[in-house]
């Protein structure tokens, strides 16, 4: 299930939101459900916020020993079309 972020529709007006929706909150919901329109606590309007996407970054290429430890077969090219297992 994806995590959705919500924040109050009027964050500058403390009368129209509680502490939770004024700061913003995260909620795990199934994809097939409609987004929330109101805060579950104070019932004031909220809007869905598009958050950052967390993508993995590779800091360094895998070494031969790292690849072998991970269970990969490491091959090295010797001649035209001929590979040798390391």
Protein backbone atom coordinates (compact mmCIF):
# COMPACT_ATOMS: atom_id res chain seq x y z
CA UNK A 1 0.00 0.00 0.00
CA UNK A 2 1.34 3.44 -0.87
CA UNK A 3 1.81 6.20 1.67
CA UNK A 4 -0.09 9.43 0.98
CA UNK A 5 0.66 12.80 2.56
CA UNK A 6 -2.07 15.24 3.51
CA UNK A 7 -2.00 18.80 4.81
CA UNK A 8 -4.68 21.30 5.85
CA UNK A 9 -6.29 23.30 3.05
CA UNK A 10 -5.82 26.48 5.13
CA UNK A 11 -2.54 26.08 7.06
CA UNK A 12 -2.40 29.79 7.99
CA UNK A 13 -5.75 29.71 9.78
CA UNK A 14 -5.37 27.89 13.15
CA UNK A 15 -9.15 27.97 13.68
CA UNK A 16 -9.79 25.74 10.68
CA UNK A 17 -7.41 22.88 11.48
CA UNK A 18 -6.07 20.77 14.31
CA UNK A 19 -2.39 20.27 15.20
CA UNK A 20 -2.19 17.10 13.11
CA UNK A 21 -3.48 18.41 9.79
CA UNK A 22 -1.84 21.84 10.21
CA UNK A 23 1.58 20.14 10.31
CA UNK A 24 0.61 17.48 7.81
CA UNK A 25 0.24 13.74 8.22
CA UNK A 26 0.93 10.52 6.34
CA UNK A 27 -1.61 7.78 5.78
CA UNK A 28 -1.31 4.31 4.24
CA UNK A 29 -4.27 3.68 1.97
CA UNK A 30 -5.04 1.21 -0.82
CA UNK A 31 -4.68 2.55 -4.34
CA UNK A 32 -8.32 1.91 -5.23
CA UNK A 33 -9.65 4.19 -2.44
CA UNK A 34 -10.48 7.84 -3.10
CA UNK A 35 -8.20 10.46 -1.47
CA UNK A 36 -9.30 11.99 1.83
CA UNK A 37 -11.32 15.21 1.71
CA UNK A 38 -11.42 15.90 5.46
CA UNK A 39 -9.08 15.33 8.40
CA UNK A 40 -9.98 12.15 10.32
CA UNK A 41 -9.67 14.03 13.66
CA UNK A 42 -11.09 17.54 13.21
CA UNK A 43 -13.16 16.99 10.03
CA UNK A 44 -11.77 20.15 8.36
CA UNK A 45 -10.76 20.08 4.66
CA UNK A 46 -7.37 18.63 3.74
CA UNK A 47 -5.55 18.27 0.44
CA UNK A 48 -3.23 15.56 -0.81
CA UNK A 49 0.41 16.60 -1.23
CA UNK A 50 2.70 15.12 -3.86
CA UNK A 51 5.81 13.98 -2.03
CA UNK A 52 9.35 13.27 -3.12
CA UNK A 53 10.13 9.95 -4.70
CA UNK A 54 12.75 7.91 -2.94
CA UNK A 55 14.92 6.25 -5.56
CA UNK A 56 17.96 4.17 -4.69
CA UNK A 57 21.34 5.56 -5.61
CA UNK A 58 24.38 3.47 -6.42
CA UNK A 59 27.41 4.95 -4.75
CA UNK A 60 30.01 2.72 -6.38
CA UNK A 61 30.05 -0.04 -8.97
CA UNK A 62 30.08 -3.59 -7.65
CA UNK A 63 33.48 -5.22 -7.44
CA UNK A 64 34.13 -8.79 -8.55
CA UNK A 65 34.16 -10.04 -4.95
CA UNK A 66 30.89 -8.21 -4.15
CA UNK A 67 29.25 -9.74 -7.21
CA UNK A 68 30.45 -13.23 -6.25
CA UNK A 69 29.18 -12.79 -2.68
CA UNK A 70 25.80 -11.77 -4.08
CA UNK A 71 25.66 -15.02 -6.06
CA UNK A 72 26.41 -13.74 -9.56
CA UNK A 73 28.66 -15.54 -12.04
CA UNK A 74 31.46 -13.23 -13.13
CA UNK A 75 32.80 -13.66 -16.67
CA UNK A 76 35.76 -11.98 -18.37
CA UNK A 77 36.16 -11.66 -22.13
CA UNK A 78 39.30 -13.42 -23.41
CA UNK A 79 38.97 -13.60 -27.20
CA UNK A 80 36.32 -12.75 -29.75
CA UNK A 81 33.19 -14.47 -28.38
CA UNK A 82 35.12 -16.42 -25.72
CA UNK A 83 34.49 -15.73 -22.03
CA UNK A 84 36.21 -17.22 -19.03
CA UNK A 85 34.64 -17.69 -15.59
CA UNK A 86 36.53 -15.87 -12.82
